[in-house]
Amino acid sequence: MAANLLVGVPVSASLPTSSFGALSERSFLGDQCLSRCLLVAPGKAIYERCNLIVSRRLFGLEEAMRIRRLREQQETTKIRKRPPLRPGKVSGRLPVPDHIPKPPYVGSNQLPELSREYQVHDSEGIARMRAACELAARVLGFAGTLVRPSITTNEIDQAVHNMIIDAGAYPSPLGYGGFRKSVCTSVNECMCHGIPDSRQLQDGDIINIDVTVYLNGYHGDTSKTFLCGKVDEPSKRLVKTTEECLERAIALCKDGASFKKIGKRISEIAERYGYGVVEQFVGHGVGTIFHSEPIIMHHRNNKSGFMVEGQTFTIEPILTMGSPIEGVTWPDGWTTVTADGLPAAQFEHTILITKTVG
């Protein structure tokens, strides 16, 4: 579950595919340029180095042309028009057995402030974090199997709720700042924090399901965007690229790495394909506290700070197909949609920093 950078989060100023065919060597360098390069090479090593440079340049140009054509294809491919999202009927909170431990914010409708505490765990804490995250992942996988035309997001919420409490855990969103449901379901142009309701999923929808569980005093947080029925190609590409952004950002994480590299990597990939990166919602520290420092920005930034062994936090980029990338929040105070009505997609994982070997 993303933290909202614009609401209730104090931030100081210091924080901050397909192939389109190969191009020939002649089309890039021309006969004369390539011949001159080869003739002046006095030895085999320089000759091989010259070929390597040529190959790299050719690969770079091919990649640039591929991306350009992909963008042109995105512009010419019609996005399936859907009716704009409208609020459905939201049912009441589902009960949680008394014996299940609850987070300290339950019972208050006030949105907790972002904790300044960085969550770094000992071996016991890491084991509990792993258990919470593994349960969250299982629940998310189960929720994904429910995605189909005609099911309501409220039905998904109820199924998720039951699976979580059957495991002896508490659904973290339930009661967080007055949130009435056990999971967030964000459909089509909804960036995040969609409230499950009576709306039925339609053929061609995309839906992000955001699951967080509170197990043995620790929160495990994860989300994924699922395809419902026959989804148009532009939406599929958006979803695929968003997942790639998350995976490439995770690959950067290690003890001593700078947090700002995450936003740089995500922005590079998103911009390459012509997508916007939402700045309004951020990743966050997670553990015994639901939302804490560090704030993880998914766009380019100058945020200070480095990852340390034993630390846990989320990375959860949201990409949009259109612009502007600022969202519009509904009167419910949670549901935030794109201003232009174009789709958005999100993926999220909780990250544990382990000791760097070698």
Protein backbone atom coordinates (compact mmCIF):
# COMPACT_ATOMS: atom_id res chain seq x y z
CA MET A 1 0.00 0.00 0.00
CA ALA A 2 1.60 3.21 -1.17
CA ALA A 3 2.23 6.19 1.02
CA ASN A 4 0.83 9.47 -0.30
CA LEU A 5 3.61 12.01 -0.68
CA LEU A 6 1.21 14.92 -0.66
CA VAL A 7 -0.99 14.00 2.29
CA GLY A 8 0.27 13.50 5.82
CA VAL A 9 3.90 12.85 4.88
CA PRO A 10 6.46 15.41 6.03
CA VAL A 11 9.21 15.74 3.41
CA SER A 12 12.08 18.18 3.76
CA ALA A 13 13.53 20.07 0.81
CA SER A 14 16.62 17.93 0.99
CA LEU A 15 14.64 14.78 0.28
CA PRO A 16 14.31 14.97 -2.50
CA THR A 17 8.68 -6.14 -27.03
CA SER A 18 9.17 -6.70 -30.42
CA SER A 19 12.00 -6.55 -32.97
CA PHE A 20 11.74 -4.23 -35.96
CA GLY A 21 14.60 -5.63 -38.00
CA ALA A 22 18.34 -5.04 -38.06
CA LEU A 23 20.03 -2.00 -39.58
CA SER A 24 23.05 -2.68 -41.77
CA GLU A 25 26.51 -1.25 -41.10
CA ARG A 26 26.20 0.72 -44.32
CA SER A 27 23.03 2.45 -43.19
CA PHE A 28 24.75 3.61 -39.99
CA LEU A 29 28.32 4.46 -41.00
CA GLY A 30 28.36 4.43 -44.78
CA ASP A 31 30.92 2.53 -46.87
CA GLN A 32 33.56 5.23 -46.69
CA CYS A 33 33.52 5.67 -42.94
CA LEU A 34 33.60 1.96 -42.24
CA SER A 35 36.42 1.34 -44.72
CA ARG A 36 38.53 4.14 -43.22
CA CYS A 37 38.05 2.67 -39.78
CA LEU A 38 39.28 -0.72 -40.90
CA LEU A 39 42.19 0.50 -43.01
CA VAL A 40 43.83 2.58 -40.30
CA ALA A 41 43.81 -0.27 -37.84
CA PRO A 42 47.49 -1.29 -37.55
CA GLY A 43 46.94 -4.50 -35.65
CA LYS A 44 44.51 -7.24 -34.84
CA ALA A 45 43.67 -5.92 -31.35
CA ILE A 46 42.72 -2.51 -32.69
CA TYR A 47 40.81 -4.14 -35.55
CA GLU A 48 38.75 -6.17 -33.09
CA ARG A 49 38.23 -3.11 -30.90
CA CYS A 50 37.01 -1.18 -33.92
CA ASN A 51 34.51 -3.90 -34.74
CA LEU A 52 33.34 -3.91 -31.12
CA ILE A 53 32.74 -0.16 -31.19
CA VAL A 54 30.85 -0.46 -34.46
CA SER A 55 28.75 -3.29 -33.05
CA ARG A 56 27.89 -1.32 -29.94
CA ARG A 57 26.90 1.71 -31.99
CA LEU A 58 24.78 -0.41 -34.28
CA PHE A 59 23.07 -2.07 -31.32
CA GLY A 60 22.38 1.30 -29.73
CA LEU A 61 20.83 2.67 -32.90
CA GLU A 62 18.75 -0.45 -33.44
CA GLU A 63 17.42 -0.14 -29.91
CA ALA A 64 16.63 3.56 -30.42
CA MET A 65 14.78 2.80 -33.66
CA ARG A 66 12.88 -0.07 -32.02
CA ILE A 67 11.71 2.19 -29.20
CA ARG A 68 10.77 4.96 -31.63
CA ARG A 69 8.63 2.59 -33.66
CA LEU A 70 7.07 1.20 -30.51
CA ARG A 71 6.09 4.72 -29.45
CA GLU A 72 4.62 5.38 -32.89
CA GLN A 73 2.69 2.13 -32.63
CA GLN A 74 1.36 3.18 -29.22
CA GLU A 75 0.20 6.50 -30.67
CA THR A 76 -1.59 4.89 -33.62
CA THR A 77 -3.05 1.89 -31.78
CA LYS A 78 -6.50 2.70 -30.50
CA ILE A 79 -7.01 2.31 -26.79
CA ARG A 80 -10.25 0.57 -26.03
CA LYS A 81 -12.63 3.20 -24.75
CA ARG A 82 -14.20 2.38 -21.44
CA PRO A 83 -16.76 4.27 -19.40
CA PRO A 84 -15.01 6.27 -16.70
CA LEU A 85 -14.87 4.76 -13.25
CA ARG A 86 -17.74 5.65 -10.98
CA PRO A 87 -18.08 4.86 -7.27
CA GLY A 88 -20.11 1.76 -6.54
CA LYS A 89 -21.82 0.73 -3.33
CA VAL A 90 -19.33 0.11 -0.53
CA SER A 91 -20.39 -2.43 2.06
CA GLY A 92 -19.43 -2.32 5.72
CA ARG A 93 -16.23 -3.55 7.35
CA LEU A 94 -15.80 -7.28 7.69
CA PRO A 95 -15.26 -8.68 11.18
CA VAL A 96 -11.92 -9.94 12.48
CA PRO A 97 -11.84 -12.52 15.31
CA ASP A 98 -10.80 -11.11 18.67
CA HIS A 99 -7.89 -13.51 19.07
CA ILE A 100 -6.06 -12.10 16.02
CA PRO A 101 -3.55 -9.36 17.02
CA LYS A 102 -4.32 -5.97 15.48
CA PRO A 103 -2.03 -3.07 14.54
CA PRO A 104 -2.08 -0.13 16.96
CA TYR A 105 -3.88 2.19 14.51
CA VAL A 106 -7.03 0.03 14.46
CA GLY A 107 -9.87 1.83 16.20
CA SER A 108 -8.81 5.30 15.14
CA ASN A 109 -9.96 7.05 11.98
CA GLN A 110 -6.93 9.33 11.97
CA LEU A 111 -4.29 8.65 9.34
CA PRO A 112 -1.07 7.80 11.21
CA GLU A 113 1.91 10.05 10.55
CA LEU A 114 4.83 8.61 8.64
CA SER A 115 7.23 7.22 11.23
CA ARG A 116 10.77 8.59 11.09
CA GLU A 117 12.06 5.22 12.28
CA TYR A 118 14.07 3.21 9.76
CA GLN A 119 13.16 -0.43 10.15
CA VAL A 120 16.25 -2.59 10.46
CA HIS A 121 15.74 -6.10 11.79
CA ASP A 122 17.67 -8.73 13.69
CA SER A 123 17.47 -12.39 12.71
CA GLU A 124 14.18 -12.93 14.51
CA GLY A 125 12.65 -9.85 12.91
CA ILE A 126 13.81 -10.96 9.48
CA ALA A 127 12.21 -14.38 9.98
CA ARG A 128 8.92 -12.73 10.93
CA MET A 129 9.11 -10.35 7.99
CA ARG A 130 9.68 -13.28 5.65
CA ALA A 131 6.64 -15.07 7.06
CA ALA A 132 4.42 -12.00 6.67
CA CYS A 133 5.62 -11.37 3.11
CA GLU A 134 5.22 -15.00 2.11
CA LEU A 135 1.64 -14.96 3.33
CA ALA A 136 0.96 -11.69 1.49
CA ALA A 137 2.37 -13.21 -1.72
CA ARG A 138 0.15 -16.29 -1.38
CA VAL A 139 -2.91 -14.15 -0.80
CA LEU A 140 -2.08 -11.95 -3.79
CA GLY A 141 -1.63 -14.99 -6.01
CA PHE A 142 -5.00 -16.32 -4.87
CA ALA A 143 -6.65 -12.94 -5.48
CA GLY A 144 -5.31 -12.95 -9.02
CA THR A 145 -7.09 -16.22 -9.77
CA LEU A 146 -10.39 -14.52 -8.98
CA VAL A 147 -9.98 -11.80 -11.62
CA ARG A 148 -12.54 -12.33 -14.36
CA PRO A 149 -15.37 -10.39 -16.00
CA SER A 150 -18.48 -10.01 -13.80
CA ILE A 151 -16.81 -10.49 -10.41
CA THR A 152 -17.07 -7.45 -8.15
CA THR A 153 -14.12 -5.93 -6.36
CA ASN A 154 -16.13 -6.36 -3.16
CA GLU A 155 -16.17 -10.12 -3.73
CA ILE A 156 -12.38 -10.07 -4.17
CA ASP A 157 -12.08 -8.13 -0.92
CA GLN A 158 -14.18 -10.66 0.97
CA ALA A 159 -12.20 -13.63 -0.36
CA VAL A 160 -8.89 -11.92 0.52
CA HIS A 161 -10.17 -11.02 3.97
CA ASN A 162 -11.20 -14.59 4.71
CA MET A 163 -7.89 -16.06 3.55
CA ILE A 164 -5.90 -13.63 5.70
CA ILE A 165 -7.84 -14.21 8.92
CA ASP A 166 -7.88 -17.98 8.30
CA ALA A 167 -4.07 -17.73 8.42
CA GLY A 168 -4.25 -15.98 11.79
CA ALA A 169 -3.23 -12.60 10.35
CA TYR A 170 -4.87 -9.19 10.14
CA PRO A 171 -5.54 -7.36 6.82
CA SER A 172 -3.43 -4.23 7.34
CA PRO A 173 -5.52 -1.77 5.26
CA LEU A 174 -8.64 -2.48 7.33
CA GLY A 175 -9.10 0.48 9.66
CA TYR A 176 -5.94 2.27 8.52
CA GLY A 177 -6.93 5.94 8.62
CA GLY A 178 -10.56 4.85 8.43
CA PHE A 179 -10.13 2.66 5.33
CA ARG A 180 -13.15 0.34 5.33
CA LYS A 181 -11.82 -2.60 3.35
CA SER A 182 -9.19 -5.32 3.67
CA VAL A 183 -7.50 -4.81 0.30
CA CYS A 184 -7.08 -2.05 -2.30
CA THR A 185 -8.47 -2.73 -5.79
CA SER A 186 -7.49 -0.13 -8.40
CA VAL A 187 -9.15 -0.54 -11.78
CA ASN A 188 -8.07 1.01 -15.10
CA GLU A 189 -7.41 4.74 -14.52
CA CYS A 190 -7.30 4.33 -10.75
CA MET A 191 -3.66 4.92 -9.74
CA CYS A 192 -3.99 3.33 -6.31
CA HIS A 193 -6.03 3.00 -3.11
CA GLY A 194 -9.21 1.97 -4.90
CA ILE A 195 -11.93 0.92 -2.44
CA PRO A 196 -13.60 -2.42 -3.23
CA ASP A 197 -17.27 -1.93 -4.07
CA SER A 198 -20.19 -3.30 -6.06
CA ARG A 199 -18.67 -2.56 -9.49
CA GLN A 200 -18.25 -5.63 -11.66
CA LEU A 201 -15.02 -6.10 -13.55
CA GLN A 202 -15.45 -5.80 -17.30
CA ASP A 203 -13.76 -7.65 -20.13
CA GLY A 204 -10.61 -5.65 -20.96
CA ASP A 205 -10.11 -4.09 -17.53
CA ILE A 206 -6.80 -4.03 -15.73
CA ILE A 207 -6.82 -4.17 -11.94
CA ASN A 208 -4.14 -3.69 -9.32
CA ILE A 209 -4.70 -5.68 -6.15
CA ASP A 210 -2.69 -4.42 -3.18
CA VAL A 211 -2.38 -6.88 -0.29
CA THR A 212 -0.82 -6.19 3.10
CA VAL A 213 -0.99 -8.59 6.03
CA TYR A 214 -0.08 -8.08 9.68
CA LEU A 215 1.32 -11.34 11.04
CA ASN A 216 3.08 -11.79 14.37
CA GLY A 217 3.57 -8.04 14.67
CA TYR A 218 5.01 -7.46 11.17
CA HIS A 219 3.51 -6.13 7.94
CA GLY A 220 4.14 -7.80 4.57
CA ASP A 221 3.16 -5.58 1.60
CA THR A 222 2.85 -6.49 -2.10
CA SER A 223 0.73 -5.72 -5.18
CA LYS A 224 0.33 -6.67 -8.81
CA THR A 225 -1.69 -5.48 -11.81
CA PHE A 226 -3.78 -8.25 -13.38
CA LEU A 227 -5.44 -8.47 -16.79
CA CYS A 228 -9.18 -9.15 -16.92
CA GLY A 229 -10.31 -10.99 -20.02
CA LYS A 230 -9.20 -9.66 -23.42
CA VAL A 231 -7.08 -6.57 -22.74
CA ASP A 232 -5.96 -4.19 -25.51
CA GLU A 233 -2.30 -4.17 -26.51
CA PRO A 234 -1.48 -0.66 -25.20
CA SER A 235 -2.69 -1.62 -21.74
CA LYS A 236 -0.76 -4.87 -21.85
CA ARG A 237 2.43 -2.98 -22.73
CA LEU A 238 1.84 -0.54 -19.88
CA VAL A 239 1.46 -3.40 -17.41
CA LYS A 240 4.51 -5.24 -18.75
CA THR A 241 6.70 -2.13 -18.60
CA THR A 242 5.60 -1.30 -15.06
CA GLU A 243 6.58 -4.79 -13.91
CA GLU A 244 9.93 -4.39 -15.66
CA CYS A 245 10.48 -1.11 -13.81
CA LEU A 246 9.98 -2.86 -10.49
CA GLU A 247 12.26 -5.77 -11.37
CA ARG A 248 15.06 -3.52 -12.65
CA ALA A 249 14.81 -1.33 -9.55
CA ILE A 250 15.03 -4.36 -7.26
CA ALA A 251 18.18 -5.45 -9.09
CA LEU A 252 19.90 -2.25 -7.87
CA CYS A 253 19.23 -2.93 -4.20
CA LYS A 254 22.11 -3.95 -1.97
CA ASP A 255 23.89 -2.91 1.20
CA GLY A 256 25.33 0.58 0.63
CA ALA A 257 23.33 1.40 -2.52
CA SER A 258 21.82 4.88 -2.82
CA PHE A 259 18.03 5.19 -2.66
CA LYS A 260 17.97 7.75 -5.46
CA LYS A 261 19.16 5.13 -7.95
CA ILE A 262 15.72 3.52 -7.74
CA GLY A 263 13.93 6.56 -9.15
CA LYS A 264 16.57 7.09 -11.81
CA ARG A 265 16.31 3.52 -13.08
CA ILE A 266 12.50 3.51 -13.13
CA SER A 267 12.36 6.88 -14.90
CA GLU A 268 14.82 5.74 -17.57
CA ILE A 269 12.69 2.74 -18.45
CA ALA A 270 9.36 4.58 -18.31
CA GLU A 271 10.61 7.46 -20.45
CA ARG A 272 12.07 5.05 -22.98
CA TYR A 273 8.56 3.80 -23.70
CA GLY A 274 6.80 7.15 -23.35
CA TYR A 275 5.10 6.56 -19.99
CA GLY A 276 4.74 8.89 -17.04
CA VAL A 277 5.92 8.05 -13.51
CA VAL A 278 3.56 9.06 -10.73
CA GLU A 279 5.32 11.19 -8.12
CA GLN A 280 2.37 11.57 -5.76
CA PHE A 281 2.70 8.09 -4.24
CA VAL A 282 5.89 6.60 -2.89
CA GLY A 283 7.37 3.45 -1.44
CA HIS A 284 8.16 3.35 2.26
CA GLY A 285 9.80 1.53 5.10
CA VAL A 286 7.73 -1.36 6.39
CA GLY A 287 8.01 -3.83 9.26
CA THR A 288 6.48 -3.54 12.70
CA ILE A 289 5.21 -0.16 11.43
CA PHE A 290 3.08 0.00 8.28
CA HIS A 291 4.58 3.20 6.82
CA SER A 292 7.91 4.68 7.84
CA GLU A 293 11.11 6.19 6.52
CA PRO A 294 12.80 5.80 4.12
CA ILE A 295 10.56 7.38 1.52
CA ILE A 296 11.22 5.63 -1.80
CA MET A 297 10.70 7.98 -4.72
CA HIS A 298 10.10 6.38 -8.09
CA HIS A 299 11.05 9.43 -10.18
CA ARG A 300 14.41 11.16 -10.56
CA ASN A 301 15.36 12.79 -7.28
CA ASN A 302 18.24 13.87 -5.06
CA LYS A 303 17.09 12.09 -1.93
CA SER A 304 19.98 11.32 0.38
CA GLY A 305 20.47 8.02 2.16
CA PHE A 306 21.78 4.52 1.57
CA MET A 307 20.44 1.01 2.05
CA VAL A 308 21.74 -0.99 5.00
CA GLU A 309 21.79 -4.67 5.81
CA GLY A 310 18.65 -5.88 7.59
CA GLN A 311 16.48 -3.01 6.33
CA THR A 312 13.03 -3.51 4.79
CA PHE A 313 11.09 -1.13 2.52
CA THR A 314 8.76 -1.23 -0.47
CA ILE A 315 9.29 -0.32 -4.09
CA GLU A 316 5.96 0.27 -5.84
CA PRO A 317 6.11 2.31 -9.08
CA ILE A 318 2.95 3.54 -10.78
CA LEU A 319 3.17 4.24 -14.51
CA THR A 320 0.57 6.11 -16.55
CA MET A 321 -0.18 5.92 -20.23
CA GLY A 322 -0.96 9.62 -20.51
CA SER A 323 -0.33 12.90 -18.78
CA PRO A 324 -0.46 14.83 -16.55
CA ILE A 325 0.88 12.40 -14.00
CA GLU A 326 -0.87 14.08 -11.08
CA GLY A 327 -3.99 12.28 -9.91
CA VAL A 328 -7.47 13.38 -8.88
CA THR A 329 -8.66 12.03 -5.53
CA TRP A 330 -12.33 11.24 -5.10
CA PRO A 331 -14.38 12.60 -2.19
CA ASP A 332 -13.83 9.29 -0.34
CA GLY A 333 -10.30 10.57 0.35
CA TRP A 334 -8.62 7.44 -1.01
CA THR A 335 -9.45 6.58 -4.62
CA THR A 336 -7.04 8.49 -6.89
CA VAL A 337 -7.50 8.40 -10.67
CA THR A 338 -5.56 9.83 -13.60
CA ALA A 339 -6.73 13.30 -14.61
CA ASP A 340 -7.01 12.33 -18.28
CA GLY A 341 -8.80 9.03 -17.67
CA LEU A 342 -6.05 6.94 -19.26
CA PRO A 343 -4.92 3.69 -17.58
CA ALA A 344 -2.34 3.36 -14.84
CA ALA A 345 -0.52 0.25 -13.61
CA GLN A 346 1.40 -0.58 -10.44
CA PHE A 347 3.57 -3.38 -9.06
CA GLU A 348 5.01 -3.64 -5.56
CA HIS A 349 7.36 -5.78 -3.47
CA THR A 350 8.75 -5.56 0.02
CA ILE A 351 12.55 -5.59 -0.14
CA LEU A 352 14.98 -6.97 2.46
CA ILE A 353 18.59 -5.80 2.20
CA THR A 354 20.99 -8.65 2.90
CA LYS A 355 24.72 -8.76 3.37
CA THR A 356 26.68 -8.18 0.19
CA VAL A 357 28.93 -11.14 -0.61
CA GLY A 358 32.17 -10.59 -2.47
